Amino acid sequence: MQMIAQDMDELEAVLDLERRHLLAGELAELELLADRKADLINRISRQRSGKGVDASERLRKAAERNQALLLAAAEGLRTVMRRVAELQNLHHGRGTYDEGGVRATPLEPSRITRRF
């Protein structure tokens, strides 16, 4: 039982670190934690199987909290990717139309750059 308590404490520490990285926008650091987190979850699951012990409420809440942050970070990245694509399309003269729906003449790249 001592080993499972240590693993659960370590998992909680990993989840806390994951949260700090998410809040700081350090998304590259999450990959380093993913394997350790998965390993700890698997070890805890194996140790608990057959013992009839429910998962720790504290760990469940920490995981749910991080899941919400991960979803928000993913949505933020999708938004940035869409905006970059819009800017690239504008830069290359694609996708600009006048109020009548007629394709507009693209602006010179230097004029676009100066507007930002």
Protein backbone atom coordinates (compact mmCIF):
# COMPACT_ATOMS: atom_id res chain seq x y z
CA MET A 1 0.00 0.00 0.00
CA GLN A 2 3.00 2.28 0.61
CA MET A 3 4.01 2.04 -3.07
CA ILE A 4 0.59 3.08 -4.34
CA ALA A 5 0.59 6.10 -2.02
CA GLN A 6 3.99 7.18 -3.37
CA ASP A 7 2.81 6.75 -6.97
CA MET A 8 -0.34 8.74 -6.25
CA ASP A 9 1.69 11.53 -4.63
CA GLU A 10 4.02 11.58 -7.63
CA LEU A 11 1.08 11.63 -10.05
CA GLU A 12 -0.40 14.56 -8.18
CA ALA A 13 2.95 16.39 -8.45
CA VAL A 14 3.11 15.66 -12.20
CA LEU A 15 -0.46 16.96 -12.64
CA ASP A 16 0.42 20.13 -10.72
CA LEU A 17 3.50 20.64 -12.89
CA GLU A 18 1.40 20.04 -16.00
CA ARG A 19 -1.04 22.72 -14.81
CA ARG A 20 1.76 25.23 -14.25
CA HIS A 21 3.09 24.61 -17.77
CA LEU A 22 -0.39 25.02 -19.24
CA LEU A 23 -1.01 28.28 -17.42
CA ALA A 24 2.40 29.59 -18.49
CA GLY A 25 1.79 28.59 -22.11
CA GLU A 26 4.76 26.21 -22.06
CA LEU A 27 3.07 23.62 -24.25
CA ALA A 28 6.30 21.99 -25.42
CA GLU A 29 6.97 20.91 -21.84
CA LEU A 30 3.76 18.85 -21.77
CA GLU A 31 5.21 16.20 -24.05
CA LEU A 32 7.93 15.51 -21.50
CA LEU A 33 5.32 14.90 -18.80
CA ALA A 34 2.96 12.74 -20.87
CA ASP A 35 4.98 9.52 -20.66
CA ARG A 36 5.60 9.86 -16.94
CA LYS A 37 1.92 10.59 -16.30
CA ALA A 38 0.81 7.58 -18.36
CA ASP A 39 3.33 5.33 -16.58
CA LEU A 40 2.10 6.41 -13.15
CA ILE A 41 -1.55 5.96 -14.10
CA ASN A 42 -0.82 2.44 -15.38
CA ARG A 43 1.14 1.54 -12.24
CA ILE A 44 -1.62 2.82 -9.97
CA SER A 45 -4.25 0.95 -11.98
CA ARG A 46 -2.30 -2.32 -11.75
CA GLN A 47 -1.75 -1.92 -8.02
CA ARG A 48 -5.39 -1.10 -7.40
CA SER A 49 -6.89 -3.84 -9.57
CA GLY A 50 -8.61 -6.42 -7.43
CA LYS A 51 -8.42 -4.28 -4.30
CA GLY A 52 -11.81 -2.62 -4.85
CA VAL A 53 -10.41 0.81 -4.05
CA ASP A 54 -11.92 3.79 -5.90
CA ALA A 55 -9.68 6.33 -7.62
CA SER A 56 -8.58 9.22 -5.47
CA GLU A 57 -10.99 12.15 -5.67
CA ARG A 58 -8.08 14.57 -5.42
CA LEU A 59 -6.35 13.06 -8.46
CA ARG A 60 -9.57 12.92 -10.45
CA LYS A 61 -10.21 16.62 -9.82
CA ALA A 62 -6.63 17.52 -10.78
CA ALA A 63 -6.91 15.54 -14.01
CA GLU A 64 -10.27 17.15 -14.86
CA ARG A 65 -8.86 20.62 -14.16
CA ASN A 66 -5.93 19.95 -16.49
CA GLN A 67 -8.22 18.51 -19.15
CA ALA A 68 -10.15 21.80 -19.26
CA LEU A 69 -6.87 23.70 -19.62
CA LEU A 70 -5.65 21.34 -22.35
CA LEU A 71 -8.88 21.83 -24.31
CA ALA A 72 -8.58 25.61 -23.99
CA ALA A 73 -4.95 25.49 -25.14
CA ALA A 74 -5.89 23.35 -28.14
CA GLU A 75 -8.66 25.77 -29.11
CA GLY A 76 -6.23 28.67 -28.79
CA LEU A 77 -3.77 26.93 -31.09
CA ARG A 78 -6.51 26.25 -33.65
CA THR A 79 -7.48 29.94 -33.56
CA VAL A 80 -3.88 31.02 -34.12
CA MET A 81 -3.49 28.56 -36.99
CA ARG A 82 -6.65 29.91 -38.65
CA ARG A 83 -5.44 33.50 -38.26
CA VAL A 84 -2.01 32.68 -39.70
CA ALA A 85 -3.69 30.99 -42.68
CA GLU A 86 -5.88 34.08 -43.20
CA LEU A 87 -2.81 36.33 -43.15
CA GLN A 88 -0.95 34.07 -45.58
CA ASN A 89 -3.93 34.05 -47.93
CA LEU A 90 -4.15 37.84 -47.75
CA HIS A 91 -0.40 38.14 -48.33
CA HIS A 92 -0.62 35.94 -51.42
CA GLY A 93 -3.66 37.77 -52.76
CA ARG A 94 -6.12 34.95 -52.24
CA GLY A 95 -9.59 35.37 -50.88
CA THR A 96 -10.14 39.14 -51.14
CA TYR A 97 -13.40 40.35 -52.68
CA ASP A 98 -15.13 43.69 -52.94
CA GLU A 99 -18.61 44.48 -51.58
CA GLY A 100 -20.20 43.21 -54.82
CA GLY A 101 -18.54 39.80 -54.51
CA VAL A 102 -16.04 40.49 -57.29
CA ARG A 103 -12.48 39.39 -56.65
CA ALA A 104 -10.50 42.42 -55.58
CA THR A 105 -7.02 43.28 -56.78
CA PRO A 106 -4.55 42.05 -54.18
CA LEU A 107 -2.57 44.61 -52.25
CA GLU A 108 1.16 44.69 -52.62
CA PRO A 109 2.81 42.63 -49.84
CA SER A 110 4.72 45.67 -48.57
CA ARG A 111 1.46 47.61 -48.10
CA ILE A 112 -0.07 44.70 -46.17
CA THR A 113 2.95 44.43 -43.93
CA ARG A 114 2.93 48.15 -43.14
CA ARG A 115 -0.75 48.02 -42.11
CA PHE A 116 0.11 45.68 -39.25
